[in-house]
Amino acid sequence: MPQAKKIAAAASEVVLDLRRGGTCAVYIVEARNRQEVRELKEMFGGLRQELEVRQLAEGTITAYAVRVPGRDIRVFDEIETTLKENYRFSISERAFQRTIYTVVRDLCRASDSVLRAVPACGICQSPDPFPTTVDFMDASGQRLAGGVYCARCVGEADAKDDRELIGRLLAADGSGLAPLGRLRLAQEPRSERPGAGYRVDEEEPRRAAAG
């Protein structure tokens, strides 16, 4: 992780990608051969047009996490039914917890399957396949560095607005970004478009990073 002082000196914008609400499900499937692994990859890949999907494991044990942004989770039932009807063994879990990721890890070890890396929260280190992110961008729009935060830590931050949330998440970060929580940001995002960030005060970065 680059030093906070260098990030602060080069950053012109801080972008928050907030994952609030929604529902996540985890599906673990035993694939009997490579054909079934490919079928599963195609099936879950097709869901990416409407849902968020992250692969957790590949091989004899193939696993995916799926996130529905809204409240309509009927698709979870459809996925579960399809897996039960077409594969010898499958497990579904209507939440992502550290324990279910541990189960996936242990099954991968026992079957020589490949465990895919999942982002770890910068505050509590819990894995989260769909974390909230805070990214620092330079004047040309290039990403300098960033932090990832799980849903629980985002909820516990108890911020009144996105600007305050950025500061609180960074201040609690244990990966070296904590000094950046003192950066002074503009009161409002630079535009109303999705993904627009908060401009960094031109003078504040030097003082914040030095503190």
Protein backbone atom coordinates (compact mmCIF):
# COMPACT_ATOMS: atom_id res chain seq x y z
CA MET A 1 0.00 0.00 0.00
CA PRO A 2 1.55 3.36 -1.00
CA GLN A 3 2.23 5.73 1.87
CA ALA A 4 -0.67 7.93 2.90
CA LYS A 5 1.39 11.08 2.41
CA LYS A 6 2.11 10.24 -1.23
CA ILE A 7 -1.55 9.37 -1.86
CA ALA A 8 -2.73 12.63 -0.29
CA ALA A 9 -0.29 14.70 -2.33
CA ALA A 10 -1.40 13.19 -5.63
CA ALA A 11 -5.14 12.69 -5.05
CA SER A 12 -7.63 15.11 -6.54
CA GLU A 13 -10.81 13.11 -5.97
CA VAL A 14 -12.17 10.45 -3.62
CA VAL A 15 -14.83 8.10 -5.01
CA LEU A 16 -17.22 6.11 -2.81
CA ASP A 17 -18.89 3.00 -4.22
CA LEU A 18 -21.45 2.27 -1.52
CA ARG A 19 -23.03 -1.19 -1.33
CA ARG A 20 -25.92 -0.58 1.04
CA GLY A 21 -28.87 -2.94 1.26
CA GLY A 22 -29.43 -5.81 -1.12
CA THR A 23 -29.19 -9.52 -0.39
CA CYS A 24 -26.38 -11.97 -1.02
CA ALA A 25 -26.55 -15.73 -1.50
CA VAL A 26 -23.79 -18.32 -1.78
CA TYR A 27 -24.02 -21.47 -3.90
CA ILE A 28 -21.61 -24.40 -3.49
CA VAL A 29 -21.77 -27.17 -6.08
CA GLU A 30 -19.93 -30.45 -6.53
CA ALA A 31 -19.02 -30.77 -10.20
CA ARG A 32 -18.38 -34.29 -11.49
CA ASN A 33 -16.30 -33.28 -14.49
CA ARG A 34 -14.95 -30.35 -16.47
CA GLN A 35 -18.11 -30.14 -18.52
CA GLU A 36 -20.15 -29.39 -15.41
CA VAL A 37 -17.59 -26.79 -14.32
CA ARG A 38 -18.02 -25.08 -17.71
CA GLU A 39 -21.81 -25.29 -17.44
CA LEU A 40 -21.73 -23.62 -14.05
CA LYS A 41 -19.44 -20.89 -15.32
CA GLU A 42 -21.81 -20.19 -18.21
CA MET A 43 -24.86 -20.25 -15.96
CA PHE A 44 -23.51 -17.80 -13.39
CA GLY A 45 -21.81 -15.73 -16.06
CA GLY A 46 -25.18 -15.17 -17.66
CA LEU A 47 -26.50 -13.72 -14.43
CA ARG A 48 -23.98 -10.87 -14.56
CA GLN A 49 -26.22 -8.94 -16.95
CA GLU A 50 -28.66 -8.22 -14.12
CA LEU A 51 -26.96 -9.27 -10.88
CA GLU A 52 -23.58 -9.02 -9.19
CA VAL A 53 -21.69 -12.30 -9.29
CA ARG A 54 -18.30 -13.31 -7.84
CA GLN A 55 -16.73 -16.73 -8.18
CA LEU A 56 -15.46 -18.16 -4.90
CA ALA A 57 -14.10 -21.53 -6.05
CA GLU A 58 -13.51 -23.53 -9.22
CA GLY A 59 -13.02 -27.24 -9.77
CA THR A 60 -14.70 -30.24 -8.18
CA ILE A 61 -16.03 -27.71 -5.70
CA THR A 62 -17.36 -24.73 -7.61
CA ALA A 63 -18.88 -21.85 -5.66
CA TYR A 64 -20.37 -18.45 -6.43
CA ALA A 65 -21.69 -15.49 -4.47
CA VAL A 66 -24.63 -13.63 -6.02
CA ARG A 67 -25.97 -10.25 -4.88
CA VAL A 68 -29.42 -8.84 -5.64
CA PRO A 69 -29.44 -5.04 -5.17
CA GLY A 70 -33.17 -4.82 -4.41
CA ARG A 71 -35.69 -6.83 -2.41
CA ASP A 72 -36.90 -9.21 -5.10
CA ILE A 73 -34.94 -12.38 -4.35
CA ARG A 74 -37.06 -14.86 -6.32
CA VAL A 75 -34.06 -15.46 -8.56
CA PHE A 76 -32.33 -17.15 -5.61
CA ASP A 77 -35.06 -19.81 -5.57
CA GLU A 78 -34.68 -20.30 -9.31
CA ILE A 79 -30.91 -20.78 -9.01
CA GLU A 80 -31.31 -23.20 -6.11
CA THR A 81 -33.88 -25.28 -7.99
CA THR A 82 -31.72 -25.44 -11.12
CA LEU A 83 -28.70 -26.62 -9.15
CA LYS A 84 -30.62 -29.29 -7.26
CA GLU A 85 -32.18 -30.63 -10.45
CA ASN A 86 -28.98 -30.78 -12.49
CA TYR A 87 -26.11 -31.48 -10.10
CA ARG A 88 -25.37 -34.28 -7.68
CA PHE A 89 -24.72 -32.08 -4.65
CA SER A 90 -25.28 -28.39 -3.92
CA ILE A 91 -25.54 -26.11 -0.89
CA SER A 92 -27.14 -22.68 -0.79
CA GLU A 93 -26.81 -20.04 1.90
CA ARG A 94 -28.86 -16.83 1.92
CA ALA A 95 -26.07 -14.66 3.33
CA PHE A 96 -22.32 -14.32 3.07
CA GLN A 97 -20.52 -14.88 6.36
CA ARG A 98 -16.93 -15.64 7.27
CA THR A 99 -18.07 -19.15 8.24
CA ILE A 100 -19.45 -20.00 4.79
CA TYR A 101 -16.23 -18.81 3.16
CA THR A 102 -14.33 -21.05 5.58
CA VAL A 103 -16.52 -23.97 4.48
CA VAL A 104 -15.68 -23.22 0.83
CA ARG A 105 -11.98 -23.01 1.69
CA ASP A 106 -12.01 -26.34 3.54
CA LEU A 107 -13.90 -28.08 0.73
CA CYS A 108 -11.38 -26.73 -1.79
CA ARG A 109 -8.49 -28.10 0.23
CA ALA A 110 -10.12 -31.52 0.46
CA SER A 111 -10.87 -31.69 -3.27
CA ASP A 112 -7.88 -29.86 -4.80
CA SER A 113 -10.21 -27.16 -6.08
CA VAL A 114 -9.06 -23.57 -6.58
CA LEU A 115 -10.15 -21.03 -3.96
CA ARG A 116 -10.65 -17.55 -5.40
CA ALA A 117 -9.53 -14.55 -3.38
CA VAL A 118 -12.24 -12.35 -1.87
CA PRO A 119 -11.64 -8.75 -0.74
CA ALA A 120 -10.97 -8.40 2.99
CA CYS A 121 -12.41 -5.48 4.97
CA GLY A 122 -9.76 -2.91 5.84
CA ILE A 123 -11.26 -2.51 9.31
CA CYS A 124 -12.17 -5.99 10.59
CA GLN A 125 -10.48 -8.16 7.92
CA SER A 126 -13.71 -10.10 7.25
CA PRO A 127 -14.08 -11.31 3.65
CA ASP A 128 -16.80 -9.64 1.59
CA PRO A 129 -17.41 -10.48 -2.07
CA PHE A 130 -19.26 -7.21 -2.68
CA PRO A 131 -17.63 -4.60 -0.44
CA THR A 132 -18.06 -0.86 -0.28
CA THR A 133 -14.95 0.79 -1.75
CA VAL A 134 -13.24 4.15 -1.31
CA ASP A 135 -10.84 4.98 -4.15
CA PHE A 136 -8.34 7.83 -4.49
CA MET A 137 -8.01 9.20 -8.02
CA ASP A 138 -5.43 11.56 -9.49
CA ALA A 139 -6.14 14.49 -11.81
CA SER A 140 -6.09 12.22 -14.88
CA GLY A 141 -8.63 9.82 -13.41
CA GLN A 142 -6.14 7.08 -12.59
CA ARG A 143 -6.68 5.11 -9.38
CA LEU A 144 -3.90 5.68 -6.84
CA ALA A 145 -5.09 3.44 -4.01
CA GLY A 146 -8.23 2.47 -2.17
CA GLY A 147 -9.86 0.70 0.72
CA VAL A 148 -12.57 -1.96 0.92
CA TYR A 149 -15.11 -2.29 3.73
CA CYS A 150 -17.66 -4.94 4.65
CA ALA A 151 -21.36 -4.26 5.09
CA ARG A 152 -21.18 -4.60 8.88
CA CYS A 153 -18.43 -2.01 9.30
CA VAL A 154 -20.18 0.36 6.89
CA GLY A 155 -23.36 0.07 8.96
CA GLU A 156 -21.52 0.61 12.23
CA ALA A 157 -19.90 3.79 10.90
CA ASP A 158 -23.28 5.50 11.47
CA ALA A 159 -22.50 8.48 9.25
CA LYS A 160 -25.03 11.18 8.40
CA ASP A 161 -23.95 11.39 4.75
CA ASP A 162 -21.54 9.86 2.23
CA ARG A 163 -18.87 12.48 2.87
CA GLU A 164 -18.80 11.70 6.57
CA LEU A 165 -18.89 7.97 5.85
CA ILE A 166 -15.72 8.24 3.75
CA GLY A 167 -13.91 9.94 6.63
CA ARG A 168 -15.06 7.45 9.24
CA LEU A 169 -14.21 4.38 7.17
CA LEU A 170 -10.74 5.69 6.35
CA ALA A 171 -10.07 6.74 9.94
CA ALA A 172 -10.81 3.19 11.13
CA ASP A 173 -8.84 1.52 8.35
CA GLY A 174 -6.01 -0.72 9.51
CA SER A 175 -4.20 -1.05 6.17
CA GLY A 176 -2.36 2.28 6.27
CA LEU A 177 -5.10 4.59 5.00
CA ALA A 178 -6.19 5.94 8.42
CA PRO A 179 -4.36 9.31 8.09
CA LEU A 180 -6.39 9.99 4.94
CA GLY A 181 -9.56 10.06 7.02
CA ARG A 182 -8.57 13.62 7.93
CA LEU A 183 -8.60 14.87 4.37
CA ARG A 184 -10.93 17.80 3.75
CA LEU A 185 -13.42 16.98 1.00
CA ALA A 186 -15.83 19.18 -0.92
CA GLN A 187 -19.31 19.44 0.58
CA GLU A 188 -20.96 17.77 -2.43
CA PRO A 189 -19.88 15.32 -5.17
CA ARG A 190 -18.52 17.07 -8.26
CA SER A 191 -21.58 15.91 -10.25
CA GLU A 192 -24.79 13.95 -9.82
CA ARG A 193 -23.76 11.11 -12.10
CA PRO A 194 -23.20 7.66 -10.54
CA GLY A 195 -19.63 7.19 -9.38
CA ALA A 196 -18.90 10.92 -9.08
CA GLY A 197 -16.43 11.62 -6.31
CA TYR A 198 -15.63 14.34 -3.80
CA ARG A 199 -12.87 16.74 -4.72
CA VAL A 200 -9.95 16.96 -2.30
CA ASP A 201 -9.08 20.37 -0.86
CA GLU A 202 -5.89 21.54 -2.60
CA GLU A 203 -4.14 22.64 0.58
CA GLU A 204 -5.49 20.14 3.08
CA PRO A 205 -3.71 16.96 1.85
CA ARG A 206 -0.26 18.05 3.07
CA ARG A 207 -1.53 18.85 6.56
CA ALA A 208 -3.74 15.76 6.84
CA ALA A 209 -1.08 13.27 5.82
CA ALA A 210 1.53 14.88 8.02
CA GLY A 211 -0.63 14.53 11.13
